[in-house]
Amino acid sequence: APERVVKMCKFVKIGQETIPWNEEFTLKFNSAYEHFAVRGRRVLAIAKQILSNVNYPLDFEFNKENCQEFINDFTFLGLLAIMDPPKHGVR
């Protein structure tokens, strides 16, 4: 759910610049999300987080317990809206 992803973001990437998330971006996000959702689009939020290979080497095993420590420092990249029309025969 995009609203859950956004709650984990502290930054937003605009072009080549990464800046802190602020109230202005919350308003823009809500407007864009609503724009797509009311038109029946399935909306996905895209975010990233770069992890240090010192703390998280390639063989590091992620699980439910150890992933809680870094779940709040994501950078929001954007929204993806896709059409998901009803399937034939589905009421």
PDB file of N, CA and C in Angstrom:
ATOM      1  N   ALA A   1       0.841  -1.182   0.000  1.00  0.00           N
ATOM      2  CA  ALA A   1       0.000   0.000   0.000  1.00  0.00           C
ATOM      3  C   ALA A   1       0.887   1.246   0.000  1.00  0.00           C
ATOM      4  N   PRO A   2       0.682   2.135  -0.959  1.00  0.00           N
ATOM      5  CA  PRO A   2       1.535   3.324  -1.054  1.00  0.00           C
ATOM      6  C   PRO A   2       1.599   4.150   0.226  1.00  0.00           C
ATOM      7  N   GLU A   3       0.483   4.280   0.922  1.00  0.00           N
ATOM      8  CA  GLU A   3       0.503   5.092   2.146  1.00  0.00           C
ATOM      9  C   GLU A   3       1.392   4.471   3.229  1.00  0.00           C
ATOM     10  N   ARG A   4       1.541   3.163   3.213  1.00  0.00           N
ATOM     11  CA  ARG A   4       2.442   2.501   4.171  1.00  0.00           C
ATOM     12  C   ARG A   4       3.904   2.685   3.758  1.00  0.00           C
ATOM     13  N   VAL A   5       4.173   2.630   2.463  1.00  0.00           N
ATOM     14  CA  VAL A   5       5.539   2.830   1.978  1.00  0.00           C
ATOM     15  C   VAL A   5       6.006   4.247   2.306  1.00  0.00           C
ATOM     16  N   VAL A   6       5.139   5.228   2.075  1.00  0.00           N
ATOM     17  CA  VAL A   6       5.501   6.625   2.319  1.00  0.00           C
ATOM     18  C   VAL A   6       5.828   6.869   3.790  1.00  0.00           C
ATOM     19  N   LYS A   7       5.160   6.173   4.694  1.00  0.00           N
ATOM     20  CA  LYS A   7       5.450   6.344   6.118  1.00  0.00           C
ATOM     21  C   LYS A   7       6.865   5.904   6.474  1.00  0.00           C
ATOM     22  N   MET A   8       7.482   5.077   5.629  1.00  0.00           N
ATOM     23  CA  MET A   8       8.847   4.611   5.870  1.00  0.00           C
ATOM     24  C   MET A   8       9.894   5.491   5.189  1.00  0.00           C
ATOM     25  N   CYS A   9       9.453   6.519   4.452  1.00  0.00           N
ATOM     26  CA  CYS A   9      10.377   7.370   3.699  1.00  0.00           C
ATOM     27  C   CYS A   9      10.729   8.639   4.468  1.00  0.00           C
ATOM     28  N   LYS A  10      12.028   8.922   4.510  1.00  0.00           N
ATOM     29  CA  LYS A  10      12.515  10.164   5.115  1.00  0.00           C
ATOM     30  C   LYS A  10      12.994  11.148   4.055  1.00  0.00           C
ATOM     31  N   PHE A  11      13.156  10.644   2.830  1.00  0.00           N
ATOM     32  CA  PHE A  11      13.686  11.466   1.744  1.00  0.00           C
ATOM     33  C   PHE A  11      12.855  11.248   0.487  1.00  0.00           C
ATOM     34  N   VAL A  12      13.014  12.161  -0.456  1.00  0.00           N
ATOM     35  CA  VAL A  12      12.386  12.030  -1.769  1.00  0.00           C
ATOM     36  C   VAL A  12      13.439  12.389  -2.816  1.00  0.00           C
ATOM     37  N   LYS A  13      13.443  11.641  -3.906  1.00  0.00           N
ATOM     38  CA  LYS A  13      14.407  11.898  -4.985  1.00  0.00           C
ATOM     39  C   LYS A  13      13.685  12.651  -6.092  1.00  0.00           C
ATOM     40  N   ILE A  14      14.234  13.801  -6.433  1.00  0.00           N
ATOM     41  CA  ILE A  14      13.679  14.619  -7.516  1.00  0.00           C
ATOM     42  C   ILE A  14      14.816  14.869  -8.496  1.00  0.00           C
ATOM     43  N   GLY A  15      14.726  14.264  -9.661  1.00  0.00           N
ATOM     44  CA  GLY A  15      15.824  14.348 -10.616  1.00  0.00           C
ATOM     45  C   GLY A  15      17.053  13.678 -10.034  1.00  0.00           C
ATOM     46  N   GLN A  16      18.148  14.411  -9.960  1.00  0.00           N
ATOM     47  CA  GLN A  16      19.383  13.876  -9.391  1.00  0.00           C
ATOM     48  C   GLN A  16      19.554  14.240  -7.920  1.00  0.00           C
ATOM     49  N   GLU A  17      18.586  14.973  -7.373  1.00  0.00           N
ATOM     50  CA  GLU A  17      18.706  15.483  -6.006  1.00  0.00           C
ATOM     51  C   GLU A  17      17.850  14.668  -5.032  1.00  0.00           C
ATOM     52  N   THR A  18      18.407  14.375  -3.862  1.00  0.00           N
ATOM     53  CA  THR A  18      17.675  13.720  -2.783  1.00  0.00           C
ATOM     54  C   THR A  18      17.526  14.730  -1.660  1.00  0.00           C
ATOM     55  N   ILE A  19      16.262  14.990  -1.287  1.00  0.00           N
ATOM     56  CA  ILE A  19      15.992  15.992  -0.262  1.00  0.00           C
ATOM     57  C   ILE A  19      15.076  15.405   0.805  1.00  0.00           C
ATOM     58  N   PRO A  20      15.060  15.998   2.001  1.00  0.00           N
ATOM     59  CA  PRO A  20      14.204  15.480   3.072  1.00  0.00           C
ATOM     60  C   PRO A  20      12.723  15.561   2.700  1.00  0.00           C
ATOM     61  N   TRP A  21      11.977  14.547   3.129  1.00  0.00           N
ATOM     62  CA  TRP A  21      10.528  14.532   2.928  1.00  0.00           C
ATOM     63  C   TRP A  21       9.935  15.655   3.777  1.00  0.00           C
ATOM     64  N   ASN A  22       8.946  16.362   3.239  1.00  0.00           N
ATOM     65  CA  ASN A  22       8.312  17.429   4.016  1.00  0.00           C
ATOM     66  C   ASN A  22       6.805  17.446   3.746  1.00  0.00           C
ATOM     67  N   GLU A  23       6.123  18.348   4.376  1.00  0.00           N
ATOM     68  CA  GLU A  23       4.664  18.432   4.258  1.00  0.00           C
ATOM     69  C   GLU A  23       4.228  18.701   2.816  1.00  0.00           C
ATOM     70  N   GLU A  24       5.007  19.478   2.071  1.00  0.00           N
ATOM     71  CA  GLU A  24       4.679  19.755   0.668  1.00  0.00           C
ATOM     72  C   GLU A  24       4.622  18.455  -0.144  1.00  0.00           C
ATOM     73  N   PHE A  25       5.554  17.550   0.101  1.00  0.00           N
ATOM     74  CA  PHE A  25       5.559  16.281  -0.626  1.00  0.00           C
ATOM     75  C   PHE A  25       4.423  15.383  -0.174  1.00  0.00           C
ATOM     76  N   THR A  26       4.039  15.490   1.096  1.00  0.00           N
ATOM     77  CA  THR A  26       2.882  14.729   1.571  1.00  0.00           C
ATOM     78  C   THR A  26       1.639  15.150   0.806  1.00  0.00           C
ATOM     79  N   LEU A  27       1.458  16.448   0.627  1.00  0.00           N
ATOM     80  CA  LEU A  27       0.301  16.952  -0.126  1.00  0.00           C
ATOM     81  C   LEU A  27       0.356  16.520  -1.592  1.00  0.00           C
ATOM     82  N   LYS A  28       1.533  16.596  -2.201  1.00  0.00           N
ATOM     83  CA  LYS A  28       1.690  16.174  -3.601  1.00  0.00           C
ATOM     84  C   LYS A  28       1.439  14.678  -3.751  1.00  0.00           C
ATOM     85  N   PHE A  29       1.961  13.903  -2.811  1.00  0.00           N
ATOM     86  CA  PHE A  29       1.744  12.458  -2.845  1.00  0.00           C
ATOM     87  C   PHE A  29       0.258  12.144  -2.750  1.00  0.00           C
ATOM     88  N   ASN A  30      -0.419  12.724  -1.764  1.00  0.00           N
ATOM     89  CA  ASN A  30      -1.846  12.466  -1.576  1.00  0.00           C
ATOM     90  C   ASN A  30      -2.660  12.842  -2.807  1.00  0.00           C
ATOM     91  N   SER A  31      -2.323  13.960  -3.421  1.00  0.00           N
ATOM     92  CA  SER A  31      -3.021  14.406  -4.628  1.00  0.00           C
ATOM     93  C   SER A  31      -2.815  13.433  -5.792  1.00  0.00           C
ATOM     94  N   ALA A  32      -1.578  13.029  -6.010  1.00  0.00           N
ATOM     95  CA  ALA A  32      -1.281  12.102  -7.112  1.00  0.00           C
ATOM     96  C   ALA A  32      -1.904  10.726  -6.861  1.00  0.00           C
ATOM     97  N   TYR A  33      -1.809  10.255  -5.643  1.00  0.00           N
ATOM     98  CA  TYR A  33      -2.380   8.953  -5.292  1.00  0.00           C
ATOM     99  C   TYR A  33      -3.888   8.954  -5.522  1.00  0.00           C
ATOM    100  N   GLU A  34      -4.552  10.001  -5.053  1.00  0.00           N
ATOM    101  CA  GLU A  34      -6.000  10.106  -5.233  1.00  0.00           C
ATOM    102  C   GLU A  34      -6.366  10.219  -6.708  1.00  0.00           C
ATOM    103  N   HIS A  35      -5.571  10.987  -7.461  1.00  0.00           N
ATOM    104  CA  HIS A  35      -5.814  11.155  -8.899  1.00  0.00           C
ATOM    105  C   HIS A  35      -5.895   9.799  -9.605  1.00  0.00           C
ATOM    106  N   PHE A  36      -4.958   8.933  -9.326  1.00  0.00           N
ATOM    107  CA  PHE A  36      -4.938   7.614  -9.969  1.00  0.00           C
ATOM    108  C   PHE A  36      -5.975   6.672  -9.373  1.00  0.00           C
ATOM    109  N   ALA A  37      -6.113   6.672  -8.065  1.00  0.00           N
ATOM    110  CA  ALA A  37      -7.014   5.730  -7.399  1.00  0.00           C
ATOM    111  C   ALA A  37      -8.468   5.946  -7.800  1.00  0.00           C
ATOM    112  N   VAL A  38      -8.910   7.189  -7.898  1.00  0.00           N
ATOM    113  CA  VAL A  38     -10.309   7.443  -8.264  1.00  0.00           C
ATOM    114  C   VAL A  38     -10.594   7.077  -9.717  1.00  0.00           C
ATOM    115  N   ARG A  39      -9.557   6.894 -10.499  1.00  0.00           N
ATOM    116  CA  ARG A  39      -9.723   6.473 -11.894  1.00  0.00           C
ATOM    117  C   ARG A  39      -9.584   4.954 -12.039  1.00  0.00           C
ATOM    118  N   GLY A  40      -9.591   4.277 -10.913  1.00  0.00           N
ATOM    119  CA  GLY A  40      -9.562   2.819 -10.925  1.00  0.00           C
ATOM    120  C   GLY A  40      -8.199   2.215 -11.176  1.00  0.00           C
ATOM    121  N   ARG A  41      -7.147   2.996 -11.031  1.00  0.00           N
ATOM    122  CA  ARG A  41      -5.802   2.467 -11.245  1.00  0.00           C
ATOM    123  C   ARG A  41      -5.299   1.772  -9.978  1.00  0.00           C
ATOM    124  N   ARG A  42      -4.515   0.741 -10.166  1.00  0.00           N
ATOM    125  CA  ARG A  42      -3.804   0.118  -9.053  1.00  0.00           C
ATOM    126  C   ARG A  42      -2.514   0.915  -8.893  1.00  0.00           C
ATOM    127  N   VAL A  43      -2.263   1.417  -7.697  1.00  0.00           N
ATOM    128  CA  VAL A  43      -1.150   2.331  -7.473  1.00  0.00           C
ATOM    129  C   VAL A  43      -0.108   1.665  -6.576  1.00  0.00           C
ATOM    130  N   LEU A  44       1.137   1.712  -7.022  1.00  0.00           N
ATOM    131  CA  LEU A  44       2.272   1.181  -6.260  1.00  0.00           C
ATOM    132  C   LEU A  44       3.230   2.327  -5.954  1.00  0.00           C
ATOM    133  N   ALA A  45       3.803   2.312  -4.772  1.00  0.00           N
ATOM    134  CA  ALA A  45       4.831   3.292  -4.411  1.00  0.00           C
ATOM    135  C   ALA A  45       6.193   2.618  -4.565  1.00  0.00           C
ATOM    136  N   ILE A  46       7.140   3.349  -5.099  1.00  0.00           N
ATOM    137  CA  ILE A  46       8.493   2.842  -5.313  1.00  0.00           C
ATOM    138  C   ILE A  46       9.445   3.633  -4.419  1.00  0.00           C
ATOM    139  N   ALA A  47      10.250   2.895  -3.642  1.00  0.00           N
ATOM    140  CA  ALA A  47      11.225   3.529  -2.752  1.00  0.00           C
ATOM    141  C   ALA A  47      12.481   2.671  -2.724  1.00  0.00           C
ATOM    142  N   LYS A  48      13.561   3.271  -2.254  1.00  0.00           N
ATOM    143  CA  LYS A  48      14.814   2.518  -2.168  1.00  0.00           C
ATOM    144  C   LYS A  48      15.546   2.889  -0.894  1.00  0.00           C
ATOM    145  N   GLN A  49      16.469   2.024  -0.547  1.00  0.00           N
ATOM    146  CA  GLN A  49      17.391   2.294   0.557  1.00  0.00           C
ATOM    147  C   GLN A  49      18.721   1.629   0.214  1.00  0.00           C
ATOM    148  N   ILE A  50      19.777   2.378   0.291  1.00  0.00           N
ATOM    149  CA  ILE A  50      21.109   1.838   0.023  1.00  0.00           C
ATOM    150  C   ILE A  50      21.704   1.393   1.352  1.00  0.00           C
ATOM    151  N   LEU A  51      22.061   0.129   1.415  1.00  0.00           N
ATOM    152  CA  LEU A  51      22.617  -0.449   2.632  1.00  0.00           C
ATOM    153  C   LEU A  51      24.128  -0.594   2.500  1.00  0.00           C
ATOM    154  N   SER A  52      24.826  -0.338   3.576  1.00  0.00           N
ATOM    155  CA  SER A  52      26.274  -0.463   3.611  1.00  0.00           C
ATOM    156  C   SER A  52      26.678  -1.928   3.460  1.00  0.00           C
ATOM    157  N   ASN A  53      27.622  -2.196   2.554  1.00  0.00           N
ATOM    158  CA  ASN A  53      28.086  -3.579   2.400  1.00  0.00           C
ATOM    159  C   ASN A  53      28.978  -4.003   3.565  1.00  0.00           C
ATOM    160  N   VAL A  54      29.373  -3.051   4.414  1.00  0.00           N
ATOM    161  CA  VAL A  54      30.120  -3.392   5.622  1.00  0.00           C
ATOM    162  C   VAL A  54      29.170  -4.033   6.632  1.00  0.00           C
ATOM    163  N   ASN A  55      28.019  -3.404   6.835  1.00  0.00           N
ATOM    164  CA  ASN A  55      27.026  -3.928   7.778  1.00  0.00           C
ATOM    165  C   ASN A  55      26.163  -5.044   7.182  1.00  0.00           C
ATOM    166  N   TYR A  56      25.997  -5.003   5.875  1.00  0.00           N
ATOM    167  CA  TYR A  56      25.140  -5.979   5.195  1.00  0.00           C
ATOM    168  C   TYR A  56      25.877  -6.568   3.988  1.00  0.00           C
ATOM    169  N   PRO A  57      26.795  -7.498   4.237  1.00  0.00           N
ATOM    170  CA  PRO A  57      27.538  -8.116   3.123  1.00  0.00           C
ATOM    171  C   PRO A  57      26.603  -8.924   2.234  1.00  0.00           C
ATOM    172  N   LEU A  58      27.099  -9.324   1.080  1.00  0.00           N
ATOM    173  CA  LEU A  58      26.272 -10.050   0.110  1.00  0.00           C
ATOM    174  C   LEU A  58      25.636 -11.305   0.681  1.00  0.00           C
ATOM    175  N   ASP A  59      26.273 -11.940   1.651  1.00  0.00           N
ATOM    176  CA  ASP A  59      25.722 -13.171   2.212  1.00  0.00           C
ATOM    177  C   ASP A  59      24.850 -12.926   3.444  1.00  0.00           C
ATOM    178  N   PHE A  60      24.534 -11.654   3.748  1.00  0.00           N
ATOM    179  CA  PHE A  60      23.677 -11.338   4.895  1.00  0.00           C
ATOM    180  C   PHE A  60      22.277 -11.888   4.648  1.00  0.00           C
ATOM    181  N   GLU A  61      21.720 -12.546   5.641  1.00  0.00           N
ATOM    182  CA  GLU A  61      20.378 -13.120   5.510  1.00  0.00           C
ATOM    183  C   GLU A  61      19.363 -12.226   6.215  1.00  0.00           C
ATOM    184  N   PHE A  62      18.448 -11.653   5.413  1.00  0.00           N
ATOM    185  CA  PHE A  62      17.398 -10.812   5.957  1.00  0.00           C
ATOM    186  C   PHE A  62      16.255 -11.688   6.450  1.00  0.00           C
ATOM    187  N   ASN A  63      15.672 -11.303   7.586  1.00  0.00           N
ATOM    188  CA  ASN A  63      14.500 -11.997   8.103  1.00  0.00           C
ATOM    189  C   ASN A  63      13.627 -10.982   8.841  1.00  0.00           C
ATOM    190  N   LYS A  64      12.496 -11.418   9.350  1.00  0.00           N
ATOM    191  CA  LYS A  64      11.561 -10.494  10.002  1.00  0.00           C
ATOM    192  C   LYS A  64      12.159  -9.812  11.221  1.00  0.00           C
ATOM    193  N   GLU A  65      13.010 -10.486  11.938  1.00  0.00           N
ATOM    194  CA  GLU A  65      13.579  -9.920  13.160  1.00  0.00           C
ATOM    195  C   GLU A  65      14.644  -8.861  12.875  1.00  0.00           C
ATOM    196  N   ASN A  66      15.563  -9.128  11.953  1.00  0.00           N
ATOM    197  CA  ASN A  66      16.673  -8.194  11.763  1.00  0.00           C
ATOM    198  C   ASN A  66      16.373  -7.054  10.791  1.00  0.00           C
ATOM    199  N   CYS A  67      15.274  -7.096  10.081  1.00  0.00           N
ATOM    200  CA  CYS A  67      14.995  -6.019   9.120  1.00  0.00           C
ATOM    201  C   CYS A  67      14.324  -4.814   9.773  1.00  0.00           C
ATOM    202  N   GLN A  68      13.863  -4.941  11.005  1.00  0.00           N
ATOM    203  CA  GLN A  68      13.187  -3.832  11.677  1.00  0.00           C
ATOM    204  C   GLN A  68      14.119  -2.649  11.952  1.00  0.00           C
ATOM    205  N   GLU A  69      15.419  -2.901  12.023  1.00  0.00           N
ATOM    206  CA  GLU A  69      16.356  -1.845  12.387  1.00  0.00           C
ATOM    207  C   GLU A  69      16.552  -0.788  11.310  1.00  0.00           C
ATOM    208  N   PHE A  70      16.249  -1.059  10.055  1.00  0.00           N
ATOM    209  CA  PHE A  70      16.487  -0.085   8.990  1.00  0.00           C
ATOM    210  C   PHE A  70      15.247   0.195   8.159  1.00  0.00           C
ATOM    211  N   ILE A  71      14.095  -0.046   8.684  1.00  0.00           N
ATOM    212  CA  ILE A  71      12.856   0.040   7.919  1.00  0.00           C
ATOM    213  C   ILE A  71      12.335   1.473   7.747  1.00  0.00           C
ATOM    214  N   ASN A  72      12.990   2.466   8.341  1.00  0.00           N
ATOM    215  CA  ASN A  72      12.464   3.828   8.302  1.00  0.00           C
ATOM    216  C   ASN A  72      13.306   4.843   7.543  1.00  0.00           C
ATOM    217  N   ASP A  73      14.273   4.426   6.782  1.00  0.00           N
ATOM    218  CA  ASP A  73      15.144   5.390   6.108  1.00  0.00           C
ATOM    219  C   ASP A  73      15.097   5.271   4.593  1.00  0.00           C
ATOM    220  N   PHE A  74      13.936   5.066   4.040  1.00  0.00           N
ATOM    221  CA  PHE A  74      13.810   4.900   2.601  1.00  0.00           C
ATOM    222  C   PHE A  74      13.761   6.245   1.887  1.00  0.00           C
ATOM    223  N   THR A  75      14.109   6.223   0.608  1.00  0.00           N
ATOM    224  CA  THR A  75      13.979   7.385  -0.269  1.00  0.00           C
ATOM    225  C   THR A  75      12.863   7.094  -1.258  1.00  0.00           C
ATOM    226  N   PHE A  76      11.850   7.951  -1.269  1.00  0.00           N
ATOM    227  CA  PHE A  76      10.708   7.803  -2.168  1.00  0.00           C
ATOM    228  C   PHE A  76      11.140   8.162  -3.583  1.00  0.00           C
ATOM    229  N   LEU A  77      10.817   7.275  -4.538  1.00  0.00           N
ATOM    230  CA  LEU A  77      11.186   7.509  -5.934  1.00  0.00           C
ATOM    231  C   LEU A  77       9.996   7.907  -6.798  1.00  0.00           C
ATOM    232  N   GLY A  78       8.805   7.408  -6.463  1.00  0.00           N
ATOM    233  CA  GLY A  78       7.637   7.782  -7.253  1.00  0.00           C
ATOM    234  C   GLY A  78       6.504   6.790  -7.120  1.00  0.00           C
ATOM    235  N   LEU A  79       5.441   7.068  -7.878  1.00  0.00           N
ATOM    236  CA  LEU A  79       4.275   6.199  -7.919  1.00  0.00           C
ATOM    237  C   LEU A  79       4.190   5.543  -9.284  1.00  0.00           C
ATOM    238  N   LEU A  80       3.672   4.350  -9.299  1.00  0.00           N
ATOM    239  CA  LEU A  80       3.427   3.614 -10.529  1.00  0.00           C
ATOM    240  C   LEU A  80       1.944   3.268 -10.547  1.00  0.00           C
ATOM    241  N   ALA A  81       1.235   3.721 -11.562  1.00  0.00           N
ATOM    242  CA  ALA A  81      -0.196   3.445 -11.679  1.00  0.00           C
ATOM    243  C   ALA A  81      -0.423   2.540 -12.881  1.00  0.00           C
ATOM    244  N   ILE A  82      -1.132   1.451 -12.652  1.00  0.00           N
ATOM    245  CA  ILE A  82      -1.401   0.513 -13.742  1.00  0.00           C
ATOM    246  C   ILE A  82      -2.897   0.263 -13.847  1.00  0.00           C
ATOM    247  N   MET A  83      -3.322  -0.054 -15.051  1.00  0.00           N
ATOM    248  CA  MET A  83      -4.726  -0.404 -15.261  1.00  0.00           C
ATOM    249  C   MET A  83      -4.879  -1.868 -14.896  1.00  0.00           C
ATOM    250  N   ASP A  84      -5.924  -2.167 -14.173  1.00  0.00           N
ATOM    251  CA  ASP A  84      -6.223  -3.534 -13.777  1.00  0.00           C
ATOM    252  C   ASP A  84      -7.725  -3.751 -13.985  1.00  0.00           C
ATOM    253  N   PRO A  85      -8.133  -3.845 -15.259  1.00  0.00           N
ATOM    254  CA  PRO A  85      -9.567  -3.957 -15.538  1.00  0.00           C
ATOM    255  C   PRO A  85     -10.130  -5.287 -15.039  1.00  0.00           C
ATOM    256  N   PRO A  86     -11.430  -5.309 -14.750  1.00  0.00           N
ATOM    257  CA  PRO A  86     -12.056  -6.567 -14.311  1.00  0.00           C
ATOM    258  C   PRO A  86     -11.891  -7.643 -15.377  1.00  0.00           C
ATOM    259  N   LYS A  87     -11.733  -8.853 -14.944  1.00  0.00           N
ATOM    260  CA  LYS A  87     -11.602  -9.995 -15.860  1.00  0.00           C
ATOM    261  C   LYS A  87     -12.971 -10.378 -16.404  1.00  0.00           C
ATOM    262  N   HIS A  88     -12.992 -10.921 -17.594  1.00  0.00           N
ATOM    263  CA  HIS A  88     -14.222 -11.370 -18.219  1.00  0.00           C
ATOM    264  C   HIS A  88     -14.913 -12.400 -17.322  1.00  0.00           C
ATOM    265  N   GLY A  89     -16.187 -12.182 -17.062  1.00  0.00           N
ATOM    266  CA  GLY A  89     -16.947 -13.127 -16.257  1.00  0.00           C
ATOM    267  C   GLY A  89     -16.933 -12.837 -14.771  1.00  0.00           C
ATOM    268  N   VAL A  90     -16.155 -11.850 -14.336  1.00  0.00           N
ATOM    269  CA  VAL A  90     -16.114 -11.496 -12.916  1.00  0.00           C
ATOM    270  C   VAL A  90     -17.103 -10.371 -12.669  1.00  0.00           C
ATOM    271  N   ARG A  91     -17.975 -10.570 -11.702  1.00  0.00           N
ATOM    272  CA  ARG A  91     -18.974  -9.530 -11.403  1.00  0.00           C
ATOM    273  C   ARG A  91     -18.391  -8.452 -10.535  1.00  0.00           C
TER     274      ARG A  91
END
